[in-house]
Amino acid sequence: MNDKPFTRHWLVFLIAFVALILDGSIDHLFGGLITHGVPLATPMSLLLIFVFMAVYVPRENWLLWQSILLGLIYDSYYDGIIGVHMLILPLIVYVVMTIRDYIPRTWPFMLGMFIIALTAWTFMDYLAAMFTGATSVSVITMITQHLAPNINLNVILFAILYYTCSRLLVKLNS
């Protein structure tokens, strides 16, 4: 692929941190439109950015460390259970980094990979909440009232951010 070492780690971390803040800002800004009082769909621009970075940025261990750190910040900022997303995000990043050589870098494949990552994130989050006793919602209810609206919202977010993010990461890589 690219033999030149990647040196813009700080910029990638800044982009991911802005995506973390963007998640909360979008949720707060459009809260009444996308949640209706109950959090149904949550924007996942942080996951989207990390899926893009795992595919477009050269494979290095710093990406896993950044995902651990930002997962911990995500837990402390948005979630009440510390450590859940600190484990989920690096796991998803690791899997995407492992299969990245077999996935074409076109928008349909990137969208499919993002939907799979989003589904895995949601199910692992649900399993952690069930394990800790934070929820008693059935799987069917979680799929119909959280996962489906979540996928719908994040596909729209993907459509808005795909071209910009992919071009930015390709430019950073060259």
C-alpha atoms as a PDB file:
ATOM      1  CA  MET A   1       0.000   0.000   0.000  1.00  0.00           C
ATOM      2  CA  ASN A   2       1.701   3.183   1.206  1.00  0.00           C
ATOM      3  CA  ASP A   3       5.293   2.816   2.420  1.00  0.00           C
ATOM      4  CA  LYS A   4       5.564   6.372   3.721  1.00  0.00           C
ATOM      5  CA  PRO A   5       5.059   6.527   7.524  1.00  0.00           C
ATOM      6  CA  PHE A   6       1.960   8.317   8.720  1.00  0.00           C
ATOM      7  CA  THR A   7       2.892  11.268  10.943  1.00  0.00           C
ATOM      8  CA  ARG A   8      -0.343  13.215  11.413  1.00  0.00           C
ATOM      9  CA  HIS A   9      -1.607  11.331  14.453  1.00  0.00           C
ATOM     10  CA  TRP A  10      -2.589  14.523  16.267  1.00  0.00           C
ATOM     11  CA  LEU A  11      -4.812  15.644  13.395  1.00  0.00           C
ATOM     12  CA  VAL A  12      -6.582  12.298  13.234  1.00  0.00           C
ATOM     13  CA  PHE A  13      -7.119  12.431  17.005  1.00  0.00           C
ATOM     14  CA  LEU A  14      -8.510  15.972  16.659  1.00  0.00           C
ATOM     15  CA  ILE A  15     -10.920  14.844  13.931  1.00  0.00           C
ATOM     16  CA  ALA A  16     -12.095  11.934  16.094  1.00  0.00           C
ATOM     17  CA  PHE A  17     -12.511  14.211  19.119  1.00  0.00           C
ATOM     18  CA  VAL A  18     -14.579  16.663  17.053  1.00  0.00           C
ATOM     19  CA  ALA A  19     -16.719  13.692  15.949  1.00  0.00           C
ATOM     20  CA  LEU A  20     -17.191  12.769  19.619  1.00  0.00           C
ATOM     21  CA  ILE A  21     -18.401  16.282  20.402  1.00  0.00           C
ATOM     22  CA  LEU A  22     -20.499  16.300  17.216  1.00  0.00           C
ATOM     23  CA  ASP A  23     -22.408  13.246  18.464  1.00  0.00           C
ATOM     24  CA  GLY A  24     -23.624  15.109  21.524  1.00  0.00           C
ATOM     25  CA  SER A  25     -24.234  18.349  19.631  1.00  0.00           C
ATOM     26  CA  ILE A  26     -26.382  16.706  16.971  1.00  0.00           C
ATOM     27  CA  ASP A  27     -28.301  14.810  19.623  1.00  0.00           C
ATOM     28  CA  HIS A  28     -28.865  17.996  21.633  1.00  0.00           C
ATOM     29  CA  LEU A  29     -29.668  20.169  18.613  1.00  0.00           C
ATOM     30  CA  PHE A  30     -32.174  17.787  17.056  1.00  0.00           C
ATOM     31  CA  GLY A  31     -33.185  16.086  20.307  1.00  0.00           C
ATOM     32  CA  GLY A  32     -36.901  16.646  19.911  1.00  0.00           C
ATOM     33  CA  LEU A  33     -36.907  15.482  16.315  1.00  0.00           C
ATOM     34  CA  ILE A  34     -34.929  12.257  16.686  1.00  0.00           C
ATOM     35  CA  THR A  35     -35.701  11.132  20.228  1.00  0.00           C
ATOM     36  CA  HIS A  36     -39.300  12.168  21.028  1.00  0.00           C
ATOM     37  CA  GLY A  37     -38.521  12.132  24.725  1.00  0.00           C
ATOM     38  CA  VAL A  38     -37.012   8.637  24.623  1.00  0.00           C
ATOM     39  CA  PRO A  39     -33.551   8.172  23.099  1.00  0.00           C
ATOM     40  CA  LEU A  40     -34.368   6.160  19.993  1.00  0.00           C
ATOM     41  CA  ALA A  41     -31.677   7.139  17.517  1.00  0.00           C
ATOM     42  CA  THR A  42     -28.268   8.406  18.469  1.00  0.00           C
ATOM     43  CA  PRO A  43     -25.809   9.900  16.021  1.00  0.00           C
ATOM     44  CA  MET A  44     -22.615   7.847  15.845  1.00  0.00           C
ATOM     45  CA  SER A  45     -20.182  10.086  14.020  1.00  0.00           C
ATOM     46  CA  LEU A  46     -17.373   8.871  16.306  1.00  0.00           C
ATOM     47  CA  LEU A  47     -17.909   5.291  15.141  1.00  0.00           C
ATOM     48  CA  LEU A  48     -18.182   6.491  11.546  1.00  0.00           C
ATOM     49  CA  ILE A  49     -14.874   8.366  11.777  1.00  0.00           C
ATOM     50  CA  PHE A  50     -13.109   5.402  13.386  1.00  0.00           C
ATOM     51  CA  VAL A  51     -14.402   3.028  10.692  1.00  0.00           C
ATOM     52  CA  PHE A  52     -13.092   5.454   8.060  1.00  0.00           C
ATOM     53  CA  MET A  53      -9.760   5.805   9.850  1.00  0.00           C
ATOM     54  CA  ALA A  54      -9.380   2.037  10.230  1.00  0.00           C
ATOM     55  CA  VAL A  55      -9.802   1.690   6.461  1.00  0.00           C
ATOM     56  CA  TYR A  56      -8.096   4.787   5.037  1.00  0.00           C
ATOM     57  CA  VAL A  57      -5.233   5.442   7.477  1.00  0.00           C
ATOM     58  CA  PRO A  58      -2.227   3.072   7.551  1.00  0.00           C
ATOM     59  CA  ARG A  59      -2.444   0.236  10.060  1.00  0.00           C
ATOM     60  CA  GLU A  60      -0.744   1.316  13.252  1.00  0.00           C
ATOM     61  CA  ASN A  61      -1.252   0.594  16.954  1.00  0.00           C
ATOM     62  CA  TRP A  62      -1.863   4.249  17.819  1.00  0.00           C
ATOM     63  CA  LEU A  63      -5.340   3.982  16.280  1.00  0.00           C
ATOM     64  CA  LEU A  64      -6.309   1.346  18.835  1.00  0.00           C
ATOM     65  CA  TRP A  65      -4.923   3.487  21.688  1.00  0.00           C
ATOM     66  CA  GLN A  66      -6.862   6.505  20.409  1.00  0.00           C
ATOM     67  CA  SER A  67     -10.039   4.434  20.237  1.00  0.00           C
ATOM     68  CA  ILE A  68      -9.507   3.268  23.834  1.00  0.00           C
ATOM     69  CA  LEU A  69      -8.996   6.841  25.042  1.00  0.00           C
ATOM     70  CA  LEU A  70     -11.941   8.257  23.110  1.00  0.00           C
ATOM     71  CA  GLY A  71     -14.090   5.295  24.171  1.00  0.00           C
ATOM     72  CA  LEU A  72     -13.327   6.182  27.788  1.00  0.00           C
ATOM     73  CA  ILE A  73     -14.169   9.834  27.124  1.00  0.00           C
ATOM     74  CA  TYR A  74     -17.385   8.704  25.399  1.00  0.00           C
ATOM     75  CA  ASP A  75     -18.282   6.629  28.451  1.00  0.00           C
ATOM     76  CA  SER A  76     -17.626   9.451  30.877  1.00  0.00           C
ATOM     77  CA  TYR A  77     -19.346  12.082  28.733  1.00  0.00           C
ATOM     78  CA  TYR A  78     -22.422  10.225  27.401  1.00  0.00           C
ATOM     79  CA  ASP A  79     -22.834   6.976  29.282  1.00  0.00           C
ATOM     80  CA  GLY A  80     -23.164   6.116  32.935  1.00  0.00           C
ATOM     81  CA  ILE A  81     -21.227   2.858  32.741  1.00  0.00           C
ATOM     82  CA  ILE A  82     -17.482   3.468  32.491  1.00  0.00           C
ATOM     83  CA  GLY A  83     -15.564   1.018  30.322  1.00  0.00           C
ATOM     84  CA  VAL A  84     -18.252  -0.316  27.994  1.00  0.00           C
ATOM     85  CA  HIS A  85     -17.436   1.812  24.966  1.00  0.00           C
ATOM     86  CA  MET A  86     -13.775   1.793  25.951  1.00  0.00           C
ATOM     87  CA  LEU A  87     -13.903  -1.917  25.052  1.00  0.00           C
ATOM     88  CA  ILE A  88     -16.464  -1.846  22.230  1.00  0.00           C
ATOM     89  CA  LEU A  89     -14.826   0.863  20.099  1.00  0.00           C
ATOM     90  CA  PRO A  90     -11.301  -0.666  19.992  1.00  0.00           C
ATOM     91  CA  LEU A  91     -12.789  -4.097  19.306  1.00  0.00           C
ATOM     92  CA  ILE A  92     -14.683  -2.758  16.288  1.00  0.00           C
ATOM     93  CA  VAL A  93     -11.616  -0.805  15.123  1.00  0.00           C
ATOM     94  CA  TYR A  94      -9.461  -3.929  15.425  1.00  0.00           C
ATOM     95  CA  VAL A  95     -11.916  -6.035  13.403  1.00  0.00           C
ATOM     96  CA  VAL A  96     -12.183  -3.361  10.693  1.00  0.00           C
ATOM     97  CA  MET A  97      -8.390  -3.023  10.577  1.00  0.00           C
ATOM     98  CA  THR A  98      -8.120  -6.800  10.225  1.00  0.00           C
ATOM     99  CA  ILE A  99     -10.513  -7.049   7.263  1.00  0.00           C
ATOM    100  CA  ARG A 100      -9.625  -3.755   5.586  1.00  0.00           C
ATOM    101  CA  ASP A 101      -7.451  -5.364   2.909  1.00  0.00           C
ATOM    102  CA  TYR A 102     -10.416  -7.404   1.664  1.00  0.00           C
ATOM    103  CA  ILE A 103     -12.901  -4.521   1.475  1.00  0.00           C
ATOM    104  CA  PRO A 104     -12.955  -2.187  -1.548  1.00  0.00           C
ATOM    105  CA  ARG A 105     -12.847   1.490  -0.601  1.00  0.00           C
ATOM    106  CA  THR A 106     -16.085   2.392  -2.370  1.00  0.00           C
ATOM    107  CA  TRP A 107     -19.143   3.913  -0.751  1.00  0.00           C
ATOM    108  CA  PRO A 108     -21.418   0.820  -0.903  1.00  0.00           C
ATOM    109  CA  PHE A 109     -18.835  -1.335   0.869  1.00  0.00           C
ATOM    110  CA  MET A 110     -18.001   1.401   3.361  1.00  0.00           C
ATOM    111  CA  LEU A 111     -21.716   1.857   4.080  1.00  0.00           C
ATOM    112  CA  GLY A 112     -22.120  -1.888   4.595  1.00  0.00           C
ATOM    113  CA  MET A 113     -19.111  -1.987   6.906  1.00  0.00           C
ATOM    114  CA  PHE A 114     -20.461   0.983   8.866  1.00  0.00           C
ATOM    115  CA  ILE A 115     -23.907  -0.615   9.245  1.00  0.00           C
ATOM    116  CA  ILE A 116     -22.310  -3.854  10.458  1.00  0.00           C
ATOM    117  CA  ALA A 117     -20.101  -1.913  12.897  1.00  0.00           C
ATOM    118  CA  LEU A 118     -23.114   0.108  14.096  1.00  0.00           C
ATOM    119  CA  THR A 119     -25.146  -3.061  14.612  1.00  0.00           C
ATOM    120  CA  ALA A 120     -22.279  -4.689  16.508  1.00  0.00           C
ATOM    121  CA  TRP A 121     -21.857  -1.542  18.657  1.00  0.00           C
ATOM    122  CA  THR A 122     -25.572  -1.464  19.467  1.00  0.00           C
ATOM    123  CA  PHE A 123     -25.793  -5.170  20.331  1.00  0.00           C
ATOM    124  CA  MET A 124     -22.641  -5.110  22.470  1.00  0.00           C
ATOM    125  CA  ASP A 125     -23.953  -2.012  24.245  1.00  0.00           C
ATOM    126  CA  TYR A 126     -27.277  -3.787  24.800  1.00  0.00           C
ATOM    127  CA  LEU A 127     -25.537  -6.907  26.135  1.00  0.00           C
ATOM    128  CA  ALA A 128     -23.457  -4.802  28.525  1.00  0.00           C
ATOM    129  CA  ALA A 129     -26.593  -3.023  29.744  1.00  0.00           C
ATOM    130  CA  MET A 130     -28.374  -6.364  30.228  1.00  0.00           C
ATOM    131  CA  PHE A 131     -25.351  -7.786  32.068  1.00  0.00           C
ATOM    132  CA  THR A 132     -25.148  -4.826  34.450  1.00  0.00           C
ATOM    133  CA  GLY A 133     -28.903  -4.662  34.966  1.00  0.00           C
ATOM    134  CA  ALA A 134     -29.187  -1.202  33.398  1.00  0.00           C
ATOM    135  CA  THR A 135     -32.028  -2.326  31.111  1.00  0.00           C
ATOM    136  CA  SER A 136     -34.766  -4.900  31.013  1.00  0.00           C
ATOM    137  CA  VAL A 137     -35.848  -4.241  27.427  1.00  0.00           C
ATOM    138  CA  SER A 138     -36.363  -7.270  25.197  1.00  0.00           C
ATOM    139  CA  VAL A 139     -34.226  -7.872  22.125  1.00  0.00           C
ATOM    140  CA  ILE A 140     -37.189  -7.294  19.789  1.00  0.00           C
ATOM    141  CA  THR A 141     -37.933  -3.948  21.427  1.00  0.00           C
ATOM    142  CA  MET A 142     -34.281  -2.949  21.193  1.00  0.00           C
ATOM    143  CA  ILE A 143     -34.164  -3.850  17.498  1.00  0.00           C
ATOM    144  CA  THR A 144     -37.398  -2.113  16.542  1.00  0.00           C
ATOM    145  CA  GLN A 145     -37.187   0.958  18.748  1.00  0.00           C
ATOM    146  CA  HIS A 146     -33.450   1.595  18.939  1.00  0.00           C
ATOM    147  CA  LEU A 147     -31.436  -0.249  16.293  1.00  0.00           C
ATOM    148  CA  ALA A 148     -33.675   0.486  13.281  1.00  0.00           C
ATOM    149  CA  PRO A 149     -34.013   4.249  13.954  1.00  0.00           C
ATOM    150  CA  ASN A 150     -30.304   4.310  14.816  1.00  0.00           C
ATOM    151  CA  ILE A 151     -29.392   2.783  11.454  1.00  0.00           C
ATOM    152  CA  ASN A 152     -31.719   5.201   9.630  1.00  0.00           C
ATOM    153  CA  LEU A 153     -30.229   8.282  11.280  1.00  0.00           C
ATOM    154  CA  ASN A 154     -26.646   7.129  10.835  1.00  0.00           C
ATOM    155  CA  VAL A 155     -27.115   6.231   7.161  1.00  0.00           C
ATOM    156  CA  ILE A 156     -28.181   9.855   6.657  1.00  0.00           C
ATOM    157  CA  LEU A 157     -25.117  10.952   8.637  1.00  0.00           C
ATOM    158  CA  PHE A 158     -22.979   8.638   6.465  1.00  0.00           C
ATOM    159  CA  ALA A 159     -24.426  10.192   3.297  1.00  0.00           C
ATOM    160  CA  ILE A 160     -23.578  13.667   4.572  1.00  0.00           C
ATOM    161  CA  LEU A 161     -20.060  12.885   5.796  1.00  0.00           C
ATOM    162  CA  TYR A 162     -18.775  10.159   3.470  1.00  0.00           C
ATOM    163  CA  TYR A 163     -17.253  12.187   0.662  1.00  0.00           C
ATOM    164  CA  THR A 164     -15.700  14.815   2.922  1.00  0.00           C
ATOM    165  CA  CYS A 165     -14.221  12.345   5.403  1.00  0.00           C
ATOM    166  CA  SER A 166     -12.921   9.891   2.820  1.00  0.00           C
ATOM    167  CA  ARG A 167     -11.253  12.648   0.787  1.00  0.00           C
ATOM    168  CA  LEU A 168      -9.780  14.223   3.911  1.00  0.00           C
ATOM    169  CA  LEU A 169      -8.308  10.935   5.119  1.00  0.00           C
ATOM    170  CA  VAL A 170      -6.950  10.096   1.663  1.00  0.00           C
ATOM    171  CA  LYS A 171      -5.367  13.555   1.507  1.00  0.00           C
ATOM    172  CA  LEU A 172      -3.847  13.127   4.980  1.00  0.00           C
ATOM    173  CA  ASN A 173      -2.449   9.767   3.922  1.00  0.00           C
ATOM    174  CA  SER A 174      -0.672  11.125   0.847  1.00  0.00           C
END
